[in-house]
Amino acid sequence: MPDGAIEPKKGRKFDQVLEGARQVFMSDGYEGASVDDIARAAGVSKATLYSYFPDKKFLFMQVAKTACHRQTQHAIETIDFNAPTAQVLHRIATEMVDFITSEFGTRVFRICVGESERFPELAREFYESGPMLIRERLADFFRMAMDRGELQIDDVLLAADQFHELCKADLFPRMIFSMSDPITRADKDRTINGAVEMFMARYGVKR
């Protein structure tokens, strides 16, 4: 069985198939999504779909990875990493929180966890294309901030994990357990501001 480590063949209708798959996975979940439905939503034949993606698992992984990479690229292009550290952390936290609490982020996470026993490589690939990528980018920024004398960190990977967890405080359990109260912008800002303040209190260099 192919996994996310294999690069799919690109072609004229590649993005069209991905978008059709995204729509079906979001509406029907992984188990409920059929290749017939995906091909219909994408406006392509099953033969065309299979020419790009040999099976449903591989297709789902590409949908998830593409979204994670787009989110990361958007952050890289829109965040001024030369700004003061607390300001950069606030922007990073906002990007992270908005993604993990989005309908897409929530559904993809649940699908990966739900299918992790049958397809452990699915969860691994999702982790490598999402959380692990964020971890590495955070560590890179922390090193940059340390060189500027704005942070003092002994273990940058641990610090990256800590910041990631701080950005999920209160929000993540509500999202995972489908609590009825909707997550508002005020809820997100409360968690983001708290994460930045706590992180800077621990690692920020006092001047």
N, C-alpha and C. Protein backbone atom coordinates (compact mmCIF):
# COMPACT_ATOMS: atom_id res chain seq x y z
N MET A 1 0.85 -1.19 0.00
CA MET A 1 0.00 0.00 0.00
C MET A 1 0.88 1.23 0.00
N PRO A 2 0.61 2.22 -0.81
CA PRO A 2 1.39 3.43 -0.81
C PRO A 2 1.08 4.27 0.39
N ASP A 3 2.03 5.07 0.83
CA ASP A 3 1.77 5.97 1.93
C ASP A 3 2.20 7.36 1.53
N GLY A 4 2.06 8.33 2.52
CA GLY A 4 2.35 9.71 2.20
C GLY A 4 3.78 9.99 1.85
N ALA A 5 4.69 9.04 2.06
CA ALA A 5 6.10 9.25 1.71
C ALA A 5 6.30 9.23 0.20
N ILE A 6 5.34 8.64 -0.53
CA ILE A 6 5.43 8.58 -1.98
C ILE A 6 4.80 9.84 -2.56
N GLU A 7 5.48 10.47 -3.48
CA GLU A 7 4.94 11.68 -4.08
C GLU A 7 3.95 11.31 -5.19
N PRO A 8 2.75 11.90 -5.18
CA PRO A 8 1.79 11.58 -6.22
C PRO A 8 2.20 12.17 -7.56
N LYS A 9 1.68 11.57 -8.62
CA LYS A 9 1.95 12.09 -9.95
C LYS A 9 1.11 13.35 -10.16
N LYS A 10 1.73 14.43 -10.58
CA LYS A 10 1.02 15.68 -10.79
C LYS A 10 0.53 15.73 -12.24
N GLY A 11 -0.55 16.44 -12.45
CA GLY A 11 -1.10 16.58 -13.79
C GLY A 11 -2.14 17.67 -13.83
N ARG A 12 -2.79 17.84 -14.96
CA ARG A 12 -3.70 18.95 -15.19
C ARG A 12 -4.87 18.96 -14.22
N LYS A 13 -5.36 17.78 -13.83
CA LYS A 13 -6.54 17.70 -12.98
C LYS A 13 -6.21 17.32 -11.54
N PHE A 14 -4.94 17.42 -11.18
CA PHE A 14 -4.51 17.02 -9.83
C PHE A 14 -5.23 17.83 -8.76
N ASP A 15 -5.19 19.17 -8.88
CA ASP A 15 -5.82 20.03 -7.87
C ASP A 15 -7.33 19.83 -7.86
N GLN A 16 -7.90 19.57 -9.00
CA GLN A 16 -9.34 19.33 -9.12
C GLN A 16 -9.75 18.09 -8.33
N VAL A 17 -8.94 17.03 -8.44
CA VAL A 17 -9.23 15.81 -7.70
C VAL A 17 -9.06 16.04 -6.20
N LEU A 18 -8.01 16.76 -5.81
CA LEU A 18 -7.79 17.05 -4.39
C LEU A 18 -8.96 17.81 -3.80
N GLU A 19 -9.47 18.80 -4.52
CA GLU A 19 -10.58 19.59 -4.00
C GLU A 19 -11.84 18.76 -3.88
N GLY A 20 -12.11 17.91 -4.86
CA GLY A 20 -13.26 17.02 -4.76
C GLY A 20 -13.14 16.08 -3.58
N ALA A 21 -11.93 15.55 -3.36
CA ALA A 21 -11.70 14.65 -2.22
C ALA A 21 -11.88 15.39 -0.90
N ARG A 22 -11.37 16.62 -0.84
CA ARG A 22 -11.52 17.40 0.40
C ARG A 22 -12.99 17.57 0.75
N GLN A 23 -13.80 17.89 -0.24
CA GLN A 23 -15.23 18.10 0.00
C GLN A 23 -15.89 16.83 0.53
N VAL A 24 -15.58 15.71 -0.07
CA VAL A 24 -16.22 14.45 0.33
C VAL A 24 -15.73 13.99 1.70
N PHE A 25 -14.43 14.07 1.94
CA PHE A 25 -13.91 13.67 3.26
C PHE A 25 -14.50 14.53 4.37
N MET A 26 -14.66 15.83 4.11
CA MET A 26 -15.20 16.71 5.14
C MET A 26 -16.68 16.43 5.41
N SER A 27 -17.42 16.04 4.38
CA SER A 27 -18.86 15.80 4.57
C SER A 27 -19.17 14.40 5.06
N ASP A 28 -18.39 13.40 4.59
CA ASP A 28 -18.71 12.01 4.88
C ASP A 28 -17.72 11.31 5.80
N GLY A 29 -16.60 11.95 6.12
CA GLY A 29 -15.58 11.28 6.91
C GLY A 29 -14.76 10.33 6.05
N TYR A 30 -13.76 9.71 6.64
CA TYR A 30 -12.91 8.82 5.86
C TYR A 30 -13.64 7.54 5.47
N GLU A 31 -14.27 6.92 6.46
CA GLU A 31 -14.93 5.63 6.21
C GLU A 31 -16.09 5.79 5.24
N GLY A 32 -16.85 6.89 5.37
CA GLY A 32 -18.03 7.08 4.54
C GLY A 32 -17.72 7.55 3.13
N ALA A 33 -16.52 8.05 2.91
CA ALA A 33 -16.16 8.56 1.58
C ALA A 33 -15.89 7.40 0.63
N SER A 34 -16.50 7.45 -0.54
CA SER A 34 -16.25 6.43 -1.55
C SER A 34 -15.50 7.05 -2.72
N VAL A 35 -14.75 6.23 -3.42
CA VAL A 35 -14.01 6.71 -4.59
C VAL A 35 -14.99 7.21 -5.65
N ASP A 36 -16.14 6.56 -5.76
CA ASP A 36 -17.15 7.01 -6.73
C ASP A 36 -17.62 8.43 -6.41
N ASP A 37 -17.88 8.68 -5.12
CA ASP A 37 -18.33 10.01 -4.70
C ASP A 37 -17.26 11.06 -4.93
N ILE A 38 -16.01 10.69 -4.65
CA ILE A 38 -14.90 11.63 -4.83
C ILE A 38 -14.73 11.98 -6.30
N ALA A 39 -14.78 10.97 -7.16
CA ALA A 39 -14.65 11.21 -8.60
C ALA A 39 -15.78 12.10 -9.10
N ARG A 40 -16.98 11.86 -8.58
CA ARG A 40 -18.14 12.66 -9.00
C ARG A 40 -17.98 14.11 -8.54
N ALA A 41 -17.55 14.31 -7.29
CA ALA A 41 -17.37 15.66 -6.76
C ALA A 41 -16.26 16.40 -7.51
N ALA A 42 -15.24 15.66 -7.93
CA ALA A 42 -14.11 16.27 -8.66
C ALA A 42 -14.42 16.49 -10.13
N GLY A 43 -15.48 15.85 -10.62
CA GLY A 43 -15.81 15.99 -12.03
C GLY A 43 -14.84 15.25 -12.95
N VAL A 44 -14.34 14.10 -12.46
CA VAL A 44 -13.41 13.30 -13.25
C VAL A 44 -13.86 11.84 -13.24
N SER A 45 -13.30 11.05 -14.10
CA SER A 45 -13.58 9.62 -14.11
C SER A 45 -12.76 8.93 -13.02
N LYS A 46 -13.19 7.73 -12.63
CA LYS A 46 -12.42 6.96 -11.66
C LYS A 46 -11.03 6.63 -12.21
N ALA A 47 -10.95 6.42 -13.49
CA ALA A 47 -9.65 6.12 -14.10
C ALA A 47 -8.70 7.31 -13.94
N THR A 48 -9.23 8.51 -14.12
CA THR A 48 -8.39 9.70 -13.94
C THR A 48 -7.96 9.82 -12.49
N LEU A 49 -8.89 9.59 -11.56
CA LEU A 49 -8.55 9.67 -10.13
C LEU A 49 -7.44 8.69 -9.79
N TYR A 50 -7.59 7.45 -10.24
CA TYR A 50 -6.60 6.43 -9.92
C TYR A 50 -5.25 6.68 -10.63
N SER A 51 -5.27 7.46 -11.68
CA SER A 51 -4.00 7.77 -12.34
C SER A 51 -3.14 8.68 -11.47
N TYR A 52 -3.79 9.43 -10.56
CA TYR A 52 -3.06 10.30 -9.64
C TYR A 52 -2.85 9.64 -8.27
N PHE A 53 -3.90 8.96 -7.79
CA PHE A 53 -3.89 8.43 -6.43
C PHE A 53 -4.31 6.96 -6.46
N PRO A 54 -3.42 6.04 -6.11
CA PRO A 54 -3.73 4.62 -6.23
C PRO A 54 -4.75 4.09 -5.23
N ASP A 55 -4.99 4.80 -4.12
CA ASP A 55 -6.03 4.34 -3.20
C ASP A 55 -6.53 5.50 -2.34
N LYS A 56 -7.61 5.25 -1.60
CA LYS A 56 -8.28 6.29 -0.83
C LYS A 56 -7.41 6.81 0.30
N LYS A 57 -6.67 5.91 0.93
CA LYS A 57 -5.82 6.31 2.05
C LYS A 57 -4.75 7.30 1.59
N PHE A 58 -4.15 7.00 0.47
CA PHE A 58 -3.12 7.88 -0.08
C PHE A 58 -3.71 9.23 -0.47
N LEU A 59 -4.92 9.21 -1.02
CA LEU A 59 -5.59 10.44 -1.41
C LEU A 59 -5.90 11.30 -0.19
N PHE A 60 -6.42 10.68 0.86
CA PHE A 60 -6.71 11.44 2.07
C PHE A 60 -5.45 12.08 2.63
N MET A 61 -4.36 11.32 2.63
CA MET A 61 -3.12 11.85 3.19
C MET A 61 -2.64 13.05 2.40
N GLN A 62 -2.81 13.01 1.10
CA GLN A 62 -2.40 14.15 0.29
C GLN A 62 -3.28 15.37 0.55
N VAL A 63 -4.57 15.16 0.80
CA VAL A 63 -5.46 16.26 1.15
C VAL A 63 -4.99 16.92 2.45
N ALA A 64 -4.69 16.09 3.45
CA ALA A 64 -4.25 16.62 4.74
C ALA A 64 -2.90 17.32 4.63
N LYS A 65 -1.95 16.68 3.93
CA LYS A 65 -0.62 17.26 3.81
C LYS A 65 -0.65 18.57 3.03
N THR A 66 -1.46 18.63 1.99
CA THR A 66 -1.54 19.86 1.19
C THR A 66 -2.05 21.01 2.04
N ALA A 67 -3.06 20.75 2.86
CA ALA A 67 -3.61 21.80 3.72
C ALA A 67 -2.58 22.26 4.75
N CYS A 68 -1.85 21.32 5.34
CA CYS A 68 -0.82 21.68 6.33
C CYS A 68 0.29 22.50 5.70
N HIS A 69 0.72 22.11 4.52
CA HIS A 69 1.79 22.83 3.84
C HIS A 69 1.35 24.23 3.42
N ARG A 70 0.10 24.35 2.99
CA ARG A 70 -0.42 25.66 2.61
C ARG A 70 -0.47 26.57 3.83
N GLN A 71 -0.90 26.03 4.97
CA GLN A 71 -0.97 26.82 6.18
C GLN A 71 0.41 27.30 6.60
N THR A 72 1.40 26.40 6.54
CA THR A 72 2.77 26.76 6.90
C THR A 72 3.32 27.81 5.96
N GLN A 73 3.08 27.62 4.67
CA GLN A 73 3.58 28.58 3.68
C GLN A 73 2.93 29.95 3.86
N HIS A 74 1.65 29.96 4.18
CA HIS A 74 0.95 31.22 4.42
C HIS A 74 1.57 31.95 5.59
N ALA A 75 1.90 31.21 6.66
CA ALA A 75 2.52 31.82 7.83
C ALA A 75 3.88 32.40 7.49
N ILE A 76 4.67 31.64 6.74
CA ILE A 76 6.01 32.09 6.37
C ILE A 76 5.93 33.37 5.54
N GLU A 77 4.94 33.44 4.66
CA GLU A 77 4.84 34.59 3.76
C GLU A 77 4.25 35.83 4.42
N THR A 78 3.46 35.65 5.47
CA THR A 78 2.74 36.79 6.05
C THR A 78 3.30 37.27 7.39
N ILE A 79 4.13 36.48 8.05
CA ILE A 79 4.67 36.87 9.35
C ILE A 79 6.04 37.52 9.18
N ASP A 80 6.23 38.66 9.81
CA ASP A 80 7.53 39.33 9.82
C ASP A 80 8.35 38.77 10.98
N PHE A 81 9.24 37.85 10.68
CA PHE A 81 10.00 37.17 11.73
C PHE A 81 11.08 38.07 12.33
N ASN A 82 11.26 39.26 11.78
CA ASN A 82 12.21 40.22 12.36
C ASN A 82 11.55 41.15 13.37
N ALA A 83 10.23 41.03 13.53
CA ALA A 83 9.50 41.83 14.51
C ALA A 83 9.86 41.35 15.93
N PRO A 84 9.50 42.11 16.96
CA PRO A 84 9.75 41.67 18.34
C PRO A 84 9.18 40.27 18.59
N THR A 85 9.88 39.50 19.39
CA THR A 85 9.55 38.09 19.58
C THR A 85 8.11 37.88 20.03
N ALA A 86 7.64 38.65 21.00
CA ALA A 86 6.27 38.46 21.49
C ALA A 86 5.26 38.70 20.37
N GLN A 87 5.54 39.64 19.50
CA GLN A 87 4.64 39.93 18.39
C GLN A 87 4.63 38.78 17.39
N VAL A 88 5.80 38.24 17.10
CA VAL A 88 5.89 37.10 16.18
C VAL A 88 5.17 35.89 16.77
N LEU A 89 5.38 35.63 18.06
CA LEU A 89 4.72 34.50 18.70
C LEU A 89 3.20 34.65 18.66
N HIS A 90 2.72 35.86 18.81
CA HIS A 90 1.28 36.09 18.76
C HIS A 90 0.73 35.75 17.37
N ARG A 91 1.46 36.13 16.32
CA ARG A 91 1.02 35.82 14.96
C ARG A 91 1.07 34.32 14.69
N ILE A 92 2.15 33.67 15.16
CA ILE A 92 2.26 32.22 14.98
C ILE A 92 1.12 31.52 15.70
N ALA A 93 0.87 31.92 16.94
CA ALA A 93 -0.19 31.30 17.73
C ALA A 93 -1.55 31.49 17.07
N THR A 94 -1.78 32.66 16.50
CA THR A 94 -3.05 32.91 15.82
C THR A 94 -3.24 31.98 14.63
N GLU A 95 -2.17 31.81 13.85
CA GLU A 95 -2.24 30.88 12.70
C GLU A 95 -2.53 29.46 13.18
N MET A 96 -1.84 29.03 14.22
CA MET A 96 -2.01 27.67 14.73
C MET A 96 -3.42 27.45 15.26
N VAL A 97 -3.89 28.38 16.09
CA VAL A 97 -5.20 28.23 16.73
C VAL A 97 -6.31 28.27 15.69
N ASP A 98 -6.21 29.17 14.74
CA ASP A 98 -7.25 29.26 13.71
C ASP A 98 -7.33 27.97 12.89
N PHE A 99 -6.17 27.34 12.66
CA PHE A 99 -6.18 26.10 11.87
C PHE A 99 -6.73 24.93 12.67
N ILE A 100 -6.26 24.74 13.89
CA ILE A 100 -6.68 23.55 14.65
C ILE A 100 -8.15 23.62 15.06
N THR A 101 -8.71 24.84 15.15
CA THR A 101 -10.12 24.97 15.52
C THR A 101 -11.03 25.09 14.30
N SER A 102 -10.45 25.11 13.11
CA SER A 102 -11.26 25.18 11.89
C SER A 102 -11.98 23.85 11.68
N GLU A 103 -13.05 23.88 10.90
CA GLU A 103 -13.77 22.65 10.61
C GLU A 103 -12.85 21.63 9.95
N PHE A 104 -12.01 22.09 9.02
CA PHE A 104 -11.11 21.18 8.33
C PHE A 104 -10.10 20.58 9.31
N GLY A 105 -9.45 21.43 10.11
CA GLY A 105 -8.45 20.94 11.05
C GLY A 105 -9.02 19.95 12.04
N THR A 106 -10.23 20.24 12.54
CA THR A 106 -10.88 19.35 13.51
C THR A 106 -11.21 18.00 12.88
N ARG A 107 -11.79 18.02 11.69
CA ARG A 107 -12.19 16.77 11.04
C ARG A 107 -11.00 15.91 10.64
N VAL A 108 -9.96 16.55 10.13
CA VAL A 108 -8.77 15.78 9.74
C VAL A 108 -8.14 15.12 10.96
N PHE A 109 -8.06 15.86 12.05
CA PHE A 109 -7.49 15.27 13.28
C PHE A 109 -8.30 14.07 13.73
N ARG A 110 -9.61 14.20 13.75
CA ARG A 110 -10.46 13.10 14.21
C ARG A 110 -10.34 11.89 13.29
N ILE A 111 -10.28 12.13 11.99
CA ILE A 111 -10.14 11.02 11.05
C ILE A 111 -8.82 10.29 11.28
N CYS A 112 -7.74 11.04 11.43
CA CYS A 112 -6.43 10.42 11.62
C CYS A 112 -6.38 9.61 12.91
N VAL A 113 -6.94 10.15 13.99
CA VAL A 113 -6.97 9.42 15.26
C VAL A 113 -7.88 8.20 15.14
N GLY A 114 -9.05 8.38 14.52
CA GLY A 114 -10.00 7.28 14.40
C GLY A 114 -9.47 6.12 13.56
N GLU A 115 -8.62 6.44 12.59
CA GLU A 115 -8.09 5.39 11.70
C GLU A 115 -6.69 4.93 12.11
N SER A 116 -6.18 5.43 13.24
CA SER A 116 -4.78 5.19 13.59
C SER A 116 -4.48 3.72 13.88
N GLU A 117 -5.46 2.96 14.38
CA GLU A 117 -5.20 1.55 14.66
C GLU A 117 -5.15 0.74 13.37
N ARG A 118 -6.06 1.02 12.44
CA ARG A 118 -6.06 0.28 11.16
C ARG A 118 -4.92 0.74 10.26
N PHE A 119 -4.68 2.05 10.26
CA PHE A 119 -3.65 2.62 9.39
C PHE A 119 -2.70 3.50 10.20
N PRO A 120 -1.81 2.90 10.99
CA PRO A 120 -0.92 3.72 11.81
C PRO A 120 -0.06 4.67 11.00
N GLU A 121 0.23 4.31 9.75
CA GLU A 121 1.04 5.19 8.91
C GLU A 121 0.29 6.48 8.57
N LEU A 122 -1.05 6.41 8.59
CA LEU A 122 -1.86 7.59 8.32
C LEU A 122 -1.63 8.63 9.40
N ALA A 123 -1.71 8.21 10.66
CA ALA A 123 -1.47 9.13 11.78
C ALA A 123 -0.03 9.63 11.78
N ARG A 124 0.91 8.75 11.44
CA ARG A 124 2.32 9.16 11.42
C ARG A 124 2.56 10.22 10.35
N GLU A 125 2.00 10.00 9.17
CA GLU A 125 2.18 10.95 8.09
C GLU A 125 1.53 12.29 8.42
N PHE A 126 0.36 12.25 9.06
CA PHE A 126 -0.30 13.49 9.46
C PHE A 126 0.56 14.24 10.48
N TYR A 127 1.11 13.51 11.44
CA TYR A 127 1.97 14.15 12.44
C TYR A 127 3.18 14.79 11.78
N GLU A 128 3.78 14.09 10.83
CA GLU A 128 4.99 14.60 10.18
C GLU A 128 4.71 15.80 9.29
N SER A 129 3.51 15.86 8.70
CA SER A 129 3.20 16.96 7.80
C SER A 129 2.54 18.13 8.53
N GLY A 130 2.14 17.92 9.79
CA GLY A 130 1.48 18.97 10.55
C GLY A 130 2.24 19.34 11.82
N PRO A 131 1.94 18.67 12.94
CA PRO A 131 2.57 19.03 14.21
C PRO A 131 4.09 19.02 14.18
N MET A 132 4.71 18.04 13.54
CA MET A 132 6.17 18.00 13.52
C MET A 132 6.74 19.16 12.72
N LEU A 133 6.06 19.53 11.65
CA LEU A 133 6.50 20.66 10.83
C LEU A 133 6.42 21.96 11.62
N ILE A 134 5.34 22.13 12.38
CA ILE A 134 5.20 23.30 13.23
C ILE A 134 6.31 23.33 14.27
N ARG A 135 6.59 22.18 14.85
CA ARG A 135 7.64 22.07 15.87
C ARG A 135 8.98 22.54 15.32
N GLU A 136 9.31 22.09 14.11
CA GLU A 136 10.59 22.47 13.51
C GLU A 136 10.65 23.95 13.19
N ARG A 137 9.54 24.52 12.69
CA ARG A 137 9.52 25.95 12.36
C ARG A 137 9.62 26.80 13.61
N LEU A 138 8.95 26.37 14.67
CA LEU A 138 9.06 27.10 15.95
C LEU A 138 10.49 27.08 16.46
N ALA A 139 11.11 25.91 16.41
CA ALA A 139 12.49 25.79 16.89
C ALA A 139 13.42 26.70 16.09
N ASP A 140 13.21 26.78 14.78
CA ASP A 140 14.02 27.66 13.94
C ASP A 140 13.86 29.12 14.38
N PHE A 141 12.61 29.52 14.64
CA PHE A 141 12.40 30.91 15.06
C PHE A 141 13.00 31.16 16.44
N PHE A 142 12.88 30.20 17.34
CA PHE A 142 13.46 30.38 18.68
C PHE A 142 14.96 30.60 18.59
N ARG A 143 15.63 29.85 17.73
CA ARG A 143 17.08 30.03 17.56
C ARG A 143 17.39 31.44 17.04
N MET A 144 16.56 31.91 16.13
CA MET A 144 16.73 33.26 15.60
C MET A 144 16.58 34.30 16.71
N ALA A 145 15.55 34.12 17.54
CA ALA A 145 15.29 35.05 18.64
C ALA A 145 16.39 34.97 19.69
N MET A 146 16.95 33.79 19.89
CA MET A 146 18.07 33.64 20.83
C MET A 146 19.29 34.38 20.32
N ASP A 147 19.55 34.31 19.01
CA ASP A 147 20.68 35.03 18.42
C ASP A 147 20.51 36.54 18.59
N ARG A 148 19.27 37.01 18.63
CA ARG A 148 19.00 38.44 18.83
C ARG A 148 19.02 38.82 20.30
N GLY A 149 19.17 37.83 21.17
CA GLY A 149 19.21 38.10 22.60
C GLY A 149 17.84 38.31 23.22
N GLU A 150 16.77 37.82 22.57
CA GLU A 150 15.42 38.04 23.08
C GLU A 150 14.84 36.83 23.80
N LEU A 151 15.41 35.66 23.57
CA LEU A 151 15.00 34.44 24.26
C LEU A 151 16.22 33.74 24.82
N GLN A 152 16.02 33.01 25.91
CA GLN A 152 17.07 32.18 26.49
C GLN A 152 16.48 30.80 26.74
N ILE A 153 16.86 29.84 25.89
CA ILE A 153 16.28 28.50 25.92
C ILE A 153 17.38 27.46 25.87
N ASP A 154 17.30 26.46 26.75
CA ASP A 154 18.27 25.37 26.74
C ASP A 154 17.87 24.26 25.77
N ASP A 155 16.59 23.98 25.67
CA ASP A 155 16.08 22.90 24.83
C ASP A 155 15.00 23.48 23.91
N VAL A 156 15.38 23.84 22.69
CA VAL A 156 14.43 24.53 21.81
C VAL A 156 13.29 23.62 21.36
N LEU A 157 13.54 22.32 21.20
CA LEU A 157 12.48 21.42 20.79
C LEU A 157 11.44 21.25 21.89
N LEU A 158 11.91 21.16 23.13
CA LEU A 158 10.97 21.09 24.25
C LEU A 158 10.17 22.39 24.33
N ALA A 159 10.83 23.52 24.16
CA ALA A 159 10.15 24.81 24.19
C ALA A 159 9.10 24.90 23.09
N ALA A 160 9.41 24.36 21.91
CA ALA A 160 8.45 24.35 20.80
C ALA A 160 7.23 23.51 21.16
N ASP A 161 7.46 22.35 21.77
CA ASP A 161 6.35 21.50 22.20
C ASP A 161 5.50 22.22 23.25
N GLN A 162 6.17 22.90 24.18
CA GLN A 162 5.44 23.61 25.23
C GLN A 162 4.57 24.73 24.66
N PHE A 163 5.12 25.48 23.71
CA PHE A 163 4.34 26.57 23.13
C PHE A 163 3.15 26.03 22.35
N HIS A 164 3.36 24.95 21.64
CA HIS A 164 2.28 24.31 20.89
C HIS A 164 1.15 23.90 21.83
N GLU A 165 1.51 23.30 22.97
CA GLU A 165 0.50 22.87 23.93
C GLU A 165 -0.21 24.06 24.58
N LEU A 166 0.54 25.12 24.88
CA LEU A 166 -0.07 26.32 25.45
C LEU A 166 -1.14 26.89 24.53
N CYS A 167 -0.90 26.79 23.23
CA CYS A 167 -1.84 27.33 22.24
C CYS A 167 -3.10 26.49 22.11
N LYS A 168 -3.13 25.32 22.74
CA LYS A 168 -4.32 24.46 22.69
C LYS A 168 -5.09 24.46 24.01
N ALA A 169 -4.58 25.17 25.01
CA ALA A 169 -5.19 25.15 26.33
C ALA A 169 -6.66 25.54 26.26
N ASP A 170 -7.52 24.75 26.87
CA ASP A 170 -8.96 24.93 26.92
C ASP A 170 -9.62 24.64 25.58
N LEU A 171 -9.05 25.12 24.48
CA LEU A 171 -9.69 24.98 23.18
C LEU A 171 -9.71 23.53 22.70
N PHE A 172 -8.58 22.84 22.85
CA PHE A 172 -8.45 21.50 22.29
C PHE A 172 -9.43 20.50 22.91
N PRO A 173 -9.55 20.45 24.26
CA PRO A 173 -10.53 19.51 24.82
C PRO A 173 -11.96 19.82 24.36
N ARG A 174 -12.31 21.08 24.27
CA ARG A 174 -13.65 21.44 23.82
C ARG A 174 -13.88 20.99 22.39
N MET A 175 -12.85 21.08 21.58
CA MET A 175 -12.96 20.69 20.18
C MET A 175 -13.07 19.17 20.05
N ILE A 176 -12.21 18.45 20.75
CA ILE A 176 -12.16 16.99 20.63
C ILE A 176 -13.42 16.33 21.17
N PHE A 177 -13.93 16.86 22.28
CA PHE A 177 -15.09 16.23 22.90
C PHE A 177 -16.40 16.84 22.44
N SER A 178 -16.34 17.67 21.39
CA SER A 178 -17.54 18.23 20.76
C SER A 178 -18.46 18.89 21.77
N MET A 179 -17.88 19.71 22.63
CA MET A 179 -18.70 20.43 23.59
C MET A 179 -19.58 21.43 22.85
N SER A 180 -20.76 21.64 23.35
CA SER A 180 -21.78 22.36 22.60
C SER A 180 -21.46 23.84 22.39
N ASP A 181 -20.77 24.46 23.34
CA ASP A 181 -20.49 25.89 23.21
C ASP A 181 -19.53 26.13 22.05
N PRO A 182 -19.88 27.01 21.13
CA PRO A 182 -18.96 27.30 20.02
C PRO A 182 -17.72 28.05 20.52
N ILE A 183 -16.60 27.81 19.85
CA ILE A 183 -15.36 28.51 20.19
C ILE A 183 -15.39 29.86 19.48
N THR A 184 -15.37 30.93 20.26
CA THR A 184 -15.46 32.27 19.71
C THR A 184 -14.08 32.88 19.49
N ARG A 185 -14.06 34.02 18.78
CA ARG A 185 -12.80 34.75 18.60
C ARG A 185 -12.23 35.16 19.95
N ALA A 186 -13.11 35.55 20.88
CA ALA A 186 -12.65 35.94 22.22
C ALA A 186 -11.99 34.76 22.93
N ASP A 187 -12.56 33.56 22.77
CA ASP A 187 -11.96 32.36 23.37
C ASP A 187 -10.56 32.12 22.81
N LYS A 188 -10.44 32.26 21.49
CA LYS A 188 -9.15 32.04 20.85
C LYS A 188 -8.13 33.08 21.32
N ASP A 189 -8.53 34.35 21.35
CA ASP A 189 -7.60 35.41 21.76
C ASP A 189 -7.17 35.24 23.21
N ARG A 190 -8.07 34.77 24.05
CA ARG A 190 -7.73 34.52 25.46
C ARG A 190 -6.62 33.48 25.57
N THR A 191 -6.76 32.39 24.81
CA THR A 191 -5.74 31.33 24.84
C THR A 191 -4.43 31.81 24.22
N ILE A 192 -4.52 32.51 23.09
CA ILE A 192 -3.32 33.01 22.41
C ILE A 192 -2.54 33.97 23.29
N ASN A 193 -3.23 34.95 23.88
CA ASN A 193 -2.55 35.92 24.73
C ASN A 193 -1.92 35.25 25.95
N GLY A 194 -2.64 34.29 26.53
CA GLY A 194 -2.10 33.57 27.68
C GLY A 194 -0.88 32.75 27.31
N ALA A 195 -0.89 32.12 26.13
CA ALA A 195 0.24 31.31 25.69
C ALA A 195 1.49 32.17 25.51
N VAL A 196 1.34 33.31 24.85
CA VAL A 196 2.48 34.19 24.60
C VAL A 196 3.02 34.75 25.91
N GLU A 197 2.13 35.20 26.79
CA GLU A 197 2.57 35.78 28.06
C GLU A 197 3.30 34.76 28.92
N MET A 198 2.77 33.53 28.99
CA MET A 198 3.42 32.51 29.81
C MET A 198 4.76 32.09 29.22
N PHE A 199 4.81 31.95 27.89
CA PHE A 199 6.06 31.56 27.24
C PHE A 199 7.13 32.62 27.44
N MET A 200 6.78 33.88 27.27
CA MET A 200 7.76 34.96 27.43
C MET A 200 8.19 35.10 28.89
N ALA A 201 7.28 34.81 29.83
CA ALA A 201 7.65 34.87 31.25
C ALA A 201 8.69 33.81 31.57
N ARG A 202 8.61 32.66 30.88
CA ARG A 202 9.56 31.57 31.14
C ARG A 202 10.87 31.77 30.36
N TYR A 203 10.78 32.15 29.10
CA TYR A 203 11.98 32.15 28.23
C TYR A 203 12.43 33.53 27.77
N GLY A 204 11.61 34.55 27.97
CA GLY A 204 12.01 35.87 27.51
C GLY A 204 13.16 36.44 28.32
N VAL A 205 14.04 37.17 27.64
CA VAL A 205 15.18 37.81 28.32
C VAL A 205 14.71 39.14 28.88
N LYS A 206 14.88 39.29 30.19
CA LYS A 206 14.47 40.53 30.87
C LYS A 206 15.49 41.62 30.57
N ARG A 207 14.99 42.79 30.21
CA ARG A 207 15.88 43.92 29.89
C ARG A 207 15.70 45.03 30.90
